Protein backbone atom coordinates (compact mmCIF):
# COMPACT_ATOMS: atom_id res chain seq x y z
CA MET A 1 0.00 0.00 0.00
CA LYS A 2 1.34 3.46 -0.85
CA ALA A 3 2.11 5.69 2.12
CA LEU A 4 0.32 8.98 2.56
CA ASN A 5 3.52 10.80 3.35
CA SER A 6 7.02 11.59 2.06
CA SER A 7 9.97 13.64 3.28
CA LEU A 8 9.83 17.41 3.04
CA LYS A 9 13.19 17.46 1.27
CA PHE A 10 12.00 15.01 -1.38
CA PHE A 11 8.84 17.06 -1.93
CA ILE A 12 10.87 20.27 -2.39
CA VAL A 13 13.21 18.55 -4.85
CA GLN A 14 10.31 17.25 -6.93
CA LYS A 15 8.09 20.33 -6.75
CA LEU A 16 10.71 23.00 -7.38
CA LYS A 17 13.00 20.87 -9.58
CA LEU A 18 15.93 21.53 -7.26
CA SER A 19 19.04 19.50 -6.55
CA ASN A 20 19.26 17.77 -3.20
CA LYS A 21 21.90 20.28 -2.12
CA ASP A 22 19.73 23.27 -3.01
CA ALA A 23 16.69 21.74 -1.32
CA VAL A 24 18.73 21.27 1.87
CA GLN A 25 19.83 24.90 1.75
CA HIS A 26 16.25 26.09 1.25
CA ILE A 27 15.14 24.18 4.35
CA LEU A 28 18.13 25.04 6.57
CA SER A 29 17.87 28.75 5.73
CA GLY A 30 14.24 28.83 6.90
CA ARG A 31 12.78 29.56 3.48
CA VAL A 32 10.46 26.54 3.72
CA LEU A 33 7.50 26.70 6.09
CA VAL A 34 5.20 23.79 6.96
CA ASN A 35 1.92 24.93 8.46
CA GLY A 36 3.55 28.28 9.24
CA LYS A 37 6.60 26.84 11.00
CA LYS A 38 10.14 26.32 9.74
CA GLY A 39 10.55 22.93 8.11
CA THR A 40 13.29 20.46 9.05
CA LEU A 41 15.43 18.13 6.96
CA LYS A 42 14.01 14.91 8.40
CA GLN A 43 10.40 16.14 8.51
CA VAL A 44 7.71 13.77 7.26
CA LEU A 45 5.21 15.62 5.09
CA LEU A 46 1.59 14.60 5.49
CA SER A 47 -1.13 15.05 2.89
CA GLU A 48 -2.92 17.56 5.12
CA ASP A 49 0.16 19.82 5.52
CA GLU A 50 0.55 23.23 3.86
CA VAL A 51 3.98 24.13 2.46
CA GLN A 52 5.27 27.63 1.68
CA VAL A 53 8.54 28.64 0.06
CA ASP A 54 9.46 32.34 0.26
CA ASP A 55 5.88 33.12 1.33
CA GLN A 56 4.44 31.39 -1.73
CA VAL A 57 2.15 28.40 -1.12
CA ILE A 58 3.37 25.43 -3.17
CA LYS A 59 1.18 22.85 -1.45
CA GLU A 60 -2.23 23.71 -0.06
CA GLN A 61 -3.52 22.15 3.10
CA GLN A 62 -5.94 19.36 2.30
CA LYS A 63 -9.09 18.91 4.32
CA LYS A 64 -9.00 15.65 6.25
CA VAL A 65 -11.48 13.14 4.85
CA TYR A 66 -12.88 10.08 6.63
CA ILE A 67 -15.14 7.68 4.75
CA ALA A 68 -17.04 4.55 5.77
CA TYR A 69 -17.66 2.23 2.83
CA HIS A 70 -19.63 -1.01 2.59
CA LYS A 71 -17.44 -3.02 0.26
CA PRO A 72 -19.45 -5.57 -1.72
CA ARG A 73 -18.12 -8.94 -2.76
CA GLY A 74 -15.89 -8.78 -5.81
CA ILE A 75 -14.25 -5.43 -5.06
CA GLU A 76 -10.48 -5.45 -4.47
CA SER A 77 -9.18 -3.54 -1.43
CA THR A 78 -6.78 -1.35 -3.41
CA MET A 79 -6.74 2.13 -4.94
CA ASN A 80 -4.53 0.84 -7.79
CA VAL A 81 -6.43 1.65 -10.98
CA GLN A 82 -4.46 -1.02 -12.86
CA ILE A 83 -6.29 -3.72 -10.90
CA GLU A 84 -9.79 -4.61 -12.04
CA ASN A 85 -12.68 -3.76 -9.69
CA ASN A 86 -10.52 -1.46 -7.55
CA LEU A 87 -11.72 0.92 -4.84
CA SER A 88 -11.03 4.05 -6.90
CA GLN A 89 -13.45 2.83 -9.55
CA ALA A 90 -16.04 1.65 -7.02
CA LEU A 91 -16.05 4.83 -4.91
CA ASP A 92 -15.68 7.35 -7.77
CA ILE A 93 -14.82 10.33 -5.55
CA ALA A 94 -12.42 13.20 -6.17
CA GLN A 95 -10.49 13.09 -2.89
CA SER A 96 -7.21 11.23 -2.65
CA ILE A 97 -7.80 8.66 0.09
CA PHE A 98 -6.34 5.35 1.21
CA PRO A 99 -7.90 2.26 2.84
CA VAL A 100 -7.03 1.49 6.44
CA GLY A 101 -6.28 -2.22 6.11
CA ARG A 102 -7.78 -4.73 3.73
CA LEU A 103 -10.84 -6.91 3.24
CA ASP A 104 -10.47 -9.86 0.89
CA LYS A 105 -12.28 -9.90 -2.45
CA ALA A 106 -14.77 -12.61 -1.46
CA SER A 107 -15.76 -10.79 1.75
CA GLU A 108 -17.88 -7.70 2.26
CA GLY A 109 -18.51 -5.09 4.89
CA LEU A 110 -17.02 -2.05 6.53
CA MET A 111 -13.91 -0.32 5.22
CA LEU A 112 -12.42 2.91 6.53
CA LEU A 113 -10.70 5.21 4.04
CA THR A 114 -8.92 8.47 4.82
CA ASN A 115 -6.22 10.95 3.84
CA ASP A 116 -5.30 11.44 7.51
CA GLY A 117 -1.78 10.04 7.46
CA GLU A 118 -1.36 10.25 11.23
CA LEU A 119 -4.52 8.24 11.94
CA LEU A 120 -3.64 5.70 9.26
CA TYR A 121 -0.19 5.20 10.78
CA LYS A 122 -1.53 4.87 14.32
CA ILE A 123 -4.04 2.20 13.34
CA LEU A 124 -1.74 0.17 11.10
CA HIS A 125 1.29 0.34 13.40
CA ALA A 126 -0.35 0.36 16.83
CA GLU A 127 1.39 -1.70 19.51
CA ARG A 128 -2.05 -2.43 20.93
CA HIS A 129 -3.95 -4.40 18.28
CA GLN A 130 -7.27 -2.86 17.27
CA GLU A 131 -10.57 -4.73 17.33
CA LYS A 132 -12.42 -5.72 14.17
CA GLU A 133 -15.75 -7.55 14.34
CA TYR A 134 -17.22 -9.85 11.69
CA GLN A 135 -20.48 -11.72 11.17
CA VAL A 136 -19.95 -15.13 9.61
CA LEU A 137 -22.42 -17.51 7.96
CA VAL A 138 -21.24 -21.11 7.59
CA ASP A 139 -22.55 -24.12 5.66
CA LYS A 140 -23.75 -26.32 8.54
CA PRO A 141 -24.81 -26.05 12.20
CA LEU A 142 -22.22 -24.89 14.70
CA THR A 143 -21.30 -27.03 17.69
CA GLN A 144 -20.34 -25.66 21.09
CA GLN A 145 -16.94 -27.22 20.64
CA SER A 146 -16.37 -25.32 17.39
CA VAL A 147 -17.46 -22.03 18.98
CA ASP A 148 -15.09 -22.63 21.89
CA SER A 149 -12.24 -23.48 19.51
CA LEU A 150 -12.77 -20.30 17.49
CA ALA A 151 -12.59 -18.29 20.71
CA ALA A 152 -9.55 -20.06 22.15
CA GLY A 153 -7.49 -19.96 18.95
CA ILE A 154 -6.72 -22.34 16.10
CA VAL A 155 -3.43 -23.23 14.45
CA ILE A 156 -3.39 -21.92 10.86
CA MET A 157 -0.37 -21.36 8.65
CA GLY A 158 1.84 -22.79 11.38
CA LYS A 159 0.78 -20.45 14.18
CA LYS A 160 -2.05 -20.30 16.69
CA THR A 161 -4.46 -17.40 16.32
CA ARG A 162 -4.93 -15.05 19.24
CA PRO A 163 -7.96 -15.54 21.53
CA ALA A 164 -11.11 -13.98 20.11
CA VAL A 165 -14.56 -13.02 21.35
CA VAL A 166 -17.16 -15.27 19.71
CA ARG A 167 -20.95 -14.98 20.01
CA GLN A 168 -23.25 -17.49 18.31
CA VAL A 169 -26.19 -15.74 16.58
CA ASN A 170 -28.08 -18.82 15.34
CA ASP A 171 -27.38 -22.38 14.22
CA ILE A 172 -25.15 -21.34 11.32
CA THR A 173 -24.14 -17.75 12.15
CA PHE A 174 -21.66 -16.29 14.63
CA ASN A 175 -19.98 -12.96 15.37
CA ILE A 176 -16.25 -12.93 16.01
CA THR A 177 -14.08 -10.05 17.24
CA LEU A 178 -10.40 -10.26 16.31
CA LYS A 179 -7.33 -8.27 17.33
CA GLN A 180 -5.19 -9.55 14.48
CA GLY A 181 -5.52 -9.81 10.73
CA LEU A 182 -3.86 -12.87 9.25
CA ASN A 183 -4.48 -13.59 5.58
CA ARG A 184 -8.00 -15.02 5.16
CA GLN A 185 -7.90 -15.77 8.89
CA ILE A 186 -11.58 -16.48 9.57
CA ARG A 187 -11.99 -18.62 6.46
CA ARG A 188 -8.89 -20.65 7.39
CA MET A 189 -10.08 -21.07 11.00
CA CYS A 190 -13.48 -22.32 9.87
CA TYR A 191 -11.94 -24.67 7.31
CA LYS A 192 -9.78 -26.28 10.02
CA LEU A 193 -12.99 -27.02 11.94
CA GLY A 194 -14.73 -28.52 8.90
CA TYR A 195 -16.85 -25.51 7.89
CA GLN A 196 -17.12 -23.53 4.66
CA VAL A 197 -17.80 -19.81 4.96
CA GLU A 198 -20.87 -18.88 2.92
CA LYS A 199 -20.85 -15.18 3.82
CA LEU A 200 -18.44 -12.98 5.76
CA VAL A 201 -19.27 -9.37 6.65
CA ARG A 202 -17.11 -6.98 8.65
CA ILE A 203 -19.47 -5.01 10.88
CA ARG A 204 -17.09 -2.98 13.04
CA ILE A 205 -13.61 -1.42 12.96
CA ILE A 206 -12.55 -0.28 16.46
CA THR A 207 -15.38 2.14 17.37
CA LEU A 208 -16.79 2.55 13.85
CA GLU A 209 -19.83 0.42 12.98
CA LEU A 210 -21.25 -0.61 9.60
CA GLY A 211 -24.83 0.00 10.72
CA ASN A 212 -27.39 0.06 7.90
CA LEU A 213 -24.97 1.18 5.19
CA ALA A 214 -25.95 -0.80 2.07
CA PRO A 215 -23.42 -2.75 -0.03
CA GLY A 216 -21.70 -0.38 -2.47
CA ASP A 217 -22.68 2.77 -0.52
CA TRP A 218 -20.32 5.09 1.36
CA ARG A 219 -20.67 8.06 3.68
CA TYR A 220 -18.53 10.64 5.47
CA LEU A 221 -17.95 9.98 9.15
CA SER A 222 -19.61 12.26 11.68
CA GLN A 223 -17.43 14.42 13.90
CA SER A 224 -18.25 12.25 16.91
CA GLU A 225 -17.21 9.10 15.02
CA ILE A 226 -13.92 10.75 14.03
CA SER A 227 -13.27 11.90 17.61
CA ASP A 228 -14.02 8.45 19.02
CA LEU A 229 -11.64 6.78 16.56
CA ILE A 230 -8.81 9.24 17.19
CA GLN A 231 -9.23 8.99 20.95
CA GLU A 232 -9.26 5.19 20.89
CA VAL A 233 -6.04 4.86 18.86
CA SER A 234 -4.30 7.63 20.81
CA ASP A 235 -4.86 6.17 24.29
């Protein structure tokens, strides 16, 4: 996944067509301001930052955008327009945004997309793993033993999954809350127990819930949803 940020020096080199040496001199001499303050050589430039050189704005501050999207089956979790059925094509919005994590092509449900590089970094690189909740429909009735095994952890790809919170909804449906995201984890766990996943829907990411958002639809997050997310990943 492409990062939302780059170094200030690299940006100055590319934007002003300067040599590395000249870009360094521009920054060290205080000619480059980031959000009104003198830039530094090792500064990471975020998409929402404003950059001025000699009082001329060369990069405008972007408004932070936070989007909840109900990804349908068949859509790839990438903004790469070279890949068929990508998110850019599905969302068709003007803002430059990036998905926070992935959801495999055969699954559906909640995705969070943003241009807030700081939030993206905190979620993807948090030492404390963030909760994601899924509703899963399988091909035959669940047993208590299988529910207990899903909760306790199952060995897949040579390693045991972390303990999870599992709640049985009906004979063939359960909700599971994970704090890790191994490749096709839920499908692999179910397969090891003799089940095939018929439908898998992500219904929550940390504090953000899918709610009644229909497949293929998206919406901007409310200010309270944004605040709750930022507070949760900052604690």
